Amino acid sequence: MIDTNLNKNNTKDDFSLSTRAWAGLCHNCNICPYADKKPQSSFGKVMRWHRTWCPGWAGHTKIYGRKPLSQ
């Protein structure tokens, strides 16, 4: 039998406490949605760069997947 990822569900035990804490902070943050409203502004560009190294964004992406852009 071939073991595939389709049968595995991520649970909170799959992620470290620090990853869950950072993801929680990012999940409740209002800065990125604000920057996503005007992505071509200076602030929007800075926040796009910031996401490349932000530990909150990394934790959120790892647990929840990518945040949808704000409409």
C-alpha atoms as a PDB file:
ATOM      1  CA  MET A   1       0.000   0.000   0.000  1.00  0.00           C
ATOM      2  CA  ILE A   2       1.266   3.457  -0.929  1.00  0.00           C
ATOM      3  CA  ASP A   3       1.183   6.069   1.821  1.00  0.00           C
ATOM      4  CA  THR A   4       0.029   9.423   0.473  1.00  0.00           C
ATOM      5  CA  ASN A   5      -0.469  12.820   2.026  1.00  0.00           C
ATOM      6  CA  LEU A   6      -4.132  12.683   1.072  1.00  0.00           C
ATOM      7  CA  ASN A   7      -4.854  10.508   4.106  1.00  0.00           C
ATOM      8  CA  LYS A   8      -3.058  12.742   6.605  1.00  0.00           C
ATOM      9  CA  ASN A   9      -4.739  15.694   8.285  1.00  0.00           C
ATOM     10  CA  ASN A  10      -2.701  18.383   9.969  1.00  0.00           C
ATOM     11  CA  THR A  11      -3.612  18.842  13.592  1.00  0.00           C
ATOM     12  CA  LYS A  12      -2.395  21.412  16.049  1.00  0.00           C
ATOM     13  CA  ASP A  13       0.065  18.811  17.339  1.00  0.00           C
ATOM     14  CA  ASP A  14       1.869  18.865  13.977  1.00  0.00           C
ATOM     15  CA  PHE A  15       3.120  22.421  14.582  1.00  0.00           C
ATOM     16  CA  SER A  16       5.342  23.824  17.312  1.00  0.00           C
ATOM     17  CA  LEU A  17       4.046  26.203  19.940  1.00  0.00           C
ATOM     18  CA  SER A  18       6.031  29.099  18.460  1.00  0.00           C
ATOM     19  CA  THR A  19       4.667  28.430  14.953  1.00  0.00           C
ATOM     20  CA  ARG A  20       1.116  28.416  16.315  1.00  0.00           C
ATOM     21  CA  ALA A  21       1.752  31.614  18.305  1.00  0.00           C
ATOM     22  CA  TRP A  22       3.169  33.497  15.311  1.00  0.00           C
ATOM     23  CA  ALA A  23       0.353  32.228  13.090  1.00  0.00           C
ATOM     24  CA  GLY A  24      -2.205  33.449  15.632  1.00  0.00           C
ATOM     25  CA  LEU A  25      -0.663  36.916  15.689  1.00  0.00           C
ATOM     26  CA  CYS A  26      -0.668  37.063  11.895  1.00  0.00           C
ATOM     27  CA  HIS A  27      -4.226  35.749  11.684  1.00  0.00           C
ATOM     28  CA  ASN A  28      -5.476  38.645  13.825  1.00  0.00           C
ATOM     29  CA  CYS A  29      -3.258  41.333  12.247  1.00  0.00           C
ATOM     30  CA  ASN A  30      -4.923  44.115  10.263  1.00  0.00           C
ATOM     31  CA  ILE A  31      -1.763  45.508   8.673  1.00  0.00           C
ATOM     32  CA  CYS A  32      -1.485  43.138   5.694  1.00  0.00           C
ATOM     33  CA  PRO A  33      -5.137  43.502   4.620  1.00  0.00           C
ATOM     34  CA  TYR A  34      -4.688  47.265   4.811  1.00  0.00           C
ATOM     35  CA  ALA A  35      -1.588  47.057   2.591  1.00  0.00           C
ATOM     36  CA  ASP A  36      -3.327  44.673   0.168  1.00  0.00           C
ATOM     37  CA  LYS A  37      -6.021  47.268  -0.565  1.00  0.00           C
ATOM     38  CA  LYS A  38      -3.407  49.394  -2.358  1.00  0.00           C
ATOM     39  CA  PRO A  39      -0.629  47.007  -3.440  1.00  0.00           C
ATOM     40  CA  GLN A  40       1.071  49.578  -5.676  1.00  0.00           C
ATOM     41  CA  SER A  41       1.488  52.091  -2.837  1.00  0.00           C
ATOM     42  CA  SER A  42       4.812  52.379  -1.033  1.00  0.00           C
ATOM     43  CA  PHE A  43       3.311  50.765   2.048  1.00  0.00           C
ATOM     44  CA  GLY A  44       1.928  47.875  -0.036  1.00  0.00           C
ATOM     45  CA  LYS A  45       5.330  47.257  -1.611  1.00  0.00           C
ATOM     46  CA  VAL A  46       7.096  47.351   1.767  1.00  0.00           C
ATOM     47  CA  MET A  47       4.634  44.852   3.209  1.00  0.00           C
ATOM     48  CA  ARG A  48       5.075  42.515   0.232  1.00  0.00           C
ATOM     49  CA  TRP A  49       8.832  42.588   0.882  1.00  0.00           C
ATOM     50  CA  HIS A  50       8.243  42.163   4.640  1.00  0.00           C
ATOM     51  CA  ARG A  51       6.308  38.934   4.064  1.00  0.00           C
ATOM     52  CA  THR A  52       9.430  37.269   2.654  1.00  0.00           C
ATOM     53  CA  TRP A  53      10.950  37.127   6.143  1.00  0.00           C
ATOM     54  CA  CYS A  54       8.022  37.710   8.546  1.00  0.00           C
ATOM     55  CA  PRO A  55       7.767  34.844  11.087  1.00  0.00           C
ATOM     56  CA  GLY A  56       4.040  35.489  11.534  1.00  0.00           C
ATOM     57  CA  TRP A  57       3.364  35.178   7.812  1.00  0.00           C
ATOM     58  CA  ALA A  58       5.518  32.034   7.618  1.00  0.00           C
ATOM     59  CA  GLY A  59       3.639  30.408  10.507  1.00  0.00           C
ATOM     60  CA  HIS A  60       0.246  31.400   9.137  1.00  0.00           C
ATOM     61  CA  THR A  61       1.120  30.071   5.691  1.00  0.00           C
ATOM     62  CA  LYS A  62       2.396  26.828   7.154  1.00  0.00           C
ATOM     63  CA  ILE A  63      -0.763  26.205   9.178  1.00  0.00           C
ATOM     64  CA  TYR A  64      -3.581  27.831   7.204  1.00  0.00           C
ATOM     65  CA  GLY A  65      -2.160  28.252   3.717  1.00  0.00           C
ATOM     66  CA  ARG A  66      -1.844  31.634   2.054  1.00  0.00           C
ATOM     67  CA  LYS A  67      -4.132  34.454   3.134  1.00  0.00           C
ATOM     68  CA  PRO A  68      -6.465  35.605   0.376  1.00  0.00           C
ATOM     69  CA  LEU A  69      -5.951  39.168  -0.752  1.00  0.00           C
ATOM     70  CA  SER A  70      -8.431  41.609   0.700  1.00  0.00           C
ATOM     71  CA  GLN A  71     -11.150  42.810  -1.626  1.00  0.00           C
END
